[in-house]
Amino acid sequence: IEFLQFIAVMTRILDNNKIPQALKQRIYKFMQLQWQHRKGYSVLKEKPMMWDLPDRLFQQLR
C-alpha cells in the first residue's frame, strides 16, 4: 500500500507539472524497479520524492 500511495502522489506531481507521458512512464518504471530491488528503503525515506531518479532522468524534469 505504501508504494501505491507513493505512486499516487508522484502521479499528481507529474500531472500538475505537465510532464510528458513518455517521461512519466520512464519515471514509473524506474521507481518500480527501485521498489522491487530495495523494498522501498530509499524510495519512502524523508528525501525529495524524485531523489532516487538517475541524474539523466531527473534533468529531463527540469
N, C-alpha and C. Protein backbone atom coordinates (compact mmCIF):
# COMPACT_ATOMS: atom_id res chain seq x y z
N ILE A 1 0.83 -1.20 0.00
CA ILE A 1 0.00 0.00 0.00
C ILE A 1 0.86 1.25 0.00
N GLU A 2 1.96 1.25 0.72
CA GLU A 2 2.82 2.43 0.75
C GLU A 2 3.29 2.81 -0.65
N PHE A 3 3.67 1.81 -1.43
CA PHE A 3 4.15 2.10 -2.77
C PHE A 3 3.04 2.69 -3.63
N LEU A 4 1.83 2.15 -3.52
CA LEU A 4 0.71 2.67 -4.30
C LEU A 4 0.39 4.11 -3.91
N GLN A 5 0.49 4.42 -2.62
CA GLN A 5 0.28 5.80 -2.18
C GLN A 5 1.37 6.71 -2.73
N PHE A 6 2.59 6.21 -2.71
CA PHE A 6 3.72 6.96 -3.24
C PHE A 6 3.50 7.26 -4.72
N ILE A 7 3.10 6.26 -5.49
CA ILE A 7 2.86 6.44 -6.93
C ILE A 7 1.70 7.41 -7.16
N ALA A 8 0.67 7.35 -6.35
CA ALA A 8 -0.47 8.27 -6.49
C ALA A 8 -0.03 9.71 -6.30
N VAL A 9 0.78 9.96 -5.28
CA VAL A 9 1.28 11.31 -5.03
C VAL A 9 2.21 11.74 -6.17
N MET A 10 3.09 10.85 -6.57
CA MET A 10 4.02 11.18 -7.65
C MET A 10 3.26 11.47 -8.94
N THR A 11 2.21 10.73 -9.21
CA THR A 11 1.39 10.95 -10.40
C THR A 11 0.79 12.35 -10.38
N ARG A 12 0.26 12.75 -9.23
CA ARG A 12 -0.31 14.10 -9.12
C ARG A 12 0.74 15.17 -9.37
N ILE A 13 1.93 14.98 -8.82
CA ILE A 13 3.01 15.96 -9.02
C ILE A 13 3.39 16.05 -10.49
N LEU A 14 3.56 14.90 -11.12
CA LEU A 14 3.95 14.90 -12.54
C LEU A 14 2.85 15.49 -13.41
N ASP A 15 1.59 15.17 -13.12
CA ASP A 15 0.47 15.72 -13.88
C ASP A 15 0.36 17.23 -13.69
N ASN A 16 0.50 17.69 -12.45
CA ASN A 16 0.41 19.12 -12.17
C ASN A 16 1.50 19.91 -12.87
N ASN A 17 2.63 19.26 -13.12
CA ASN A 17 3.75 19.92 -13.79
C ASN A 17 3.79 19.63 -15.29
N LYS A 18 2.72 19.01 -15.79
CA LYS A 18 2.56 18.73 -17.22
C LYS A 18 3.76 17.99 -17.83
N ILE A 19 4.22 16.98 -17.12
CA ILE A 19 5.33 16.16 -17.59
C ILE A 19 4.80 15.26 -18.71
N PRO A 20 5.51 15.16 -19.83
CA PRO A 20 5.06 14.32 -20.94
C PRO A 20 4.87 12.85 -20.52
N GLN A 21 3.89 12.21 -21.13
CA GLN A 21 3.55 10.83 -20.78
C GLN A 21 4.74 9.88 -20.90
N ALA A 22 5.52 10.01 -21.96
CA ALA A 22 6.67 9.11 -22.16
C ALA A 22 7.67 9.24 -21.01
N LEU A 23 7.91 10.45 -20.55
CA LEU A 23 8.83 10.66 -19.43
C LEU A 23 8.24 10.12 -18.13
N LYS A 24 6.93 10.32 -17.94
CA LYS A 24 6.28 9.77 -16.74
C LYS A 24 6.42 8.26 -16.70
N GLN A 25 6.25 7.60 -17.84
CA GLN A 25 6.37 6.14 -17.88
C GLN A 25 7.77 5.69 -17.51
N ARG A 26 8.77 6.41 -17.98
CA ARG A 26 10.16 6.07 -17.62
C ARG A 26 10.38 6.22 -16.12
N ILE A 27 9.82 7.27 -15.55
CA ILE A 27 9.96 7.51 -14.11
C ILE A 27 9.25 6.40 -13.33
N TYR A 28 8.03 6.04 -13.74
CA TYR A 28 7.30 4.97 -13.06
C TYR A 28 8.06 3.65 -13.11
N LYS A 29 8.60 3.33 -14.28
CA LYS A 29 9.36 2.08 -14.42
C LYS A 29 10.57 2.07 -13.50
N PHE A 30 11.27 3.20 -13.45
CA PHE A 30 12.44 3.28 -12.59
C PHE A 30 12.05 3.11 -11.13
N MET A 31 11.01 3.81 -10.69
CA MET A 31 10.57 3.71 -9.30
C MET A 31 10.10 2.30 -8.96
N GLN A 32 9.45 1.64 -9.91
CA GLN A 32 9.01 0.27 -9.66
C GLN A 32 10.22 -0.65 -9.49
N LEU A 33 11.24 -0.48 -10.31
CA LEU A 33 12.46 -1.28 -10.16
C LEU A 33 13.13 -1.00 -8.82
N GLN A 34 13.19 0.27 -8.43
CA GLN A 34 13.77 0.63 -7.14
C GLN A 34 13.01 -0.04 -6.01
N TRP A 35 11.69 -0.01 -6.08
CA TRP A 35 10.87 -0.60 -5.04
C TRP A 35 11.12 -2.10 -4.94
N GLN A 36 11.17 -2.76 -6.08
CA GLN A 36 11.39 -4.21 -6.08
C GLN A 36 12.78 -4.56 -5.56
N HIS A 37 13.76 -3.77 -5.95
CA HIS A 37 15.14 -4.05 -5.56
C HIS A 37 15.40 -3.76 -4.08
N ARG A 38 14.91 -2.64 -3.61
CA ARG A 38 15.21 -2.19 -2.24
C ARG A 38 14.03 -2.30 -1.29
N LYS A 39 12.92 -2.77 -1.78
CA LYS A 39 11.69 -2.84 -0.98
C LYS A 39 11.31 -1.47 -0.42
N GLY A 40 11.58 -0.44 -1.21
CA GLY A 40 11.17 0.90 -0.84
C GLY A 40 12.06 1.60 0.17
N TYR A 41 13.20 1.00 0.51
CA TYR A 41 14.04 1.56 1.57
C TYR A 41 14.33 3.04 1.35
N SER A 42 14.88 3.39 0.20
CA SER A 42 15.20 4.81 0.00
C SER A 42 14.06 5.55 -0.68
N VAL A 43 13.16 4.83 -1.34
CA VAL A 43 12.06 5.47 -2.03
C VAL A 43 11.15 6.22 -1.06
N LEU A 44 10.95 5.68 0.14
CA LEU A 44 9.99 6.28 1.07
C LEU A 44 10.64 6.99 2.25
N LYS A 45 11.93 7.22 2.19
CA LYS A 45 12.59 7.97 3.26
C LYS A 45 12.25 9.45 3.14
N GLU A 46 12.73 10.24 4.06
CA GLU A 46 12.41 11.66 4.07
C GLU A 46 13.33 12.44 3.14
N LYS A 47 13.30 12.09 1.90
CA LYS A 47 14.05 12.78 0.86
C LYS A 47 13.04 13.33 -0.14
N PRO A 48 13.45 14.28 -0.96
CA PRO A 48 12.54 14.72 -2.02
C PRO A 48 12.10 13.51 -2.84
N MET A 49 10.88 13.53 -3.29
CA MET A 49 10.28 12.37 -3.94
C MET A 49 11.07 11.87 -5.15
N MET A 50 11.68 12.74 -5.89
CA MET A 50 12.39 12.34 -7.11
C MET A 50 13.87 12.08 -6.85
N TRP A 51 14.28 12.04 -5.62
CA TRP A 51 15.69 11.90 -5.24
C TRP A 51 16.36 10.69 -5.86
N ASP A 52 15.64 9.59 -5.96
CA ASP A 52 16.21 8.34 -6.43
C ASP A 52 16.38 8.25 -7.94
N LEU A 53 15.84 9.19 -8.68
CA LEU A 53 15.96 9.13 -10.13
C LEU A 53 17.42 9.28 -10.56
N PRO A 54 17.81 8.58 -11.62
CA PRO A 54 19.15 8.80 -12.16
C PRO A 54 19.27 10.26 -12.63
N ASP A 55 20.47 10.81 -12.60
CA ASP A 55 20.68 12.22 -12.96
C ASP A 55 20.09 12.56 -14.32
N ARG A 56 20.33 11.70 -15.29
CA ARG A 56 19.86 11.98 -16.66
C ARG A 56 18.34 12.09 -16.71
N LEU A 57 17.65 11.21 -16.01
CA LEU A 57 16.20 11.23 -15.98
C LEU A 57 15.70 12.44 -15.18
N PHE A 58 16.35 12.73 -14.07
CA PHE A 58 15.98 13.89 -13.25
C PHE A 58 16.14 15.19 -14.03
N GLN A 59 17.21 15.31 -14.81
CA GLN A 59 17.45 16.52 -15.59
C GLN A 59 16.34 16.77 -16.61
N GLN A 60 15.73 15.72 -17.10
CA GLN A 60 14.65 15.88 -18.08
C GLN A 60 13.39 16.47 -17.45
N LEU A 61 13.30 16.43 -16.14
CA LEU A 61 12.15 17.02 -15.45
C LEU A 61 12.26 18.54 -15.38
N ARG A 62 13.44 19.05 -15.52
CA ARG A 62 13.64 20.50 -15.37
C ARG A 62 13.24 21.25 -16.59
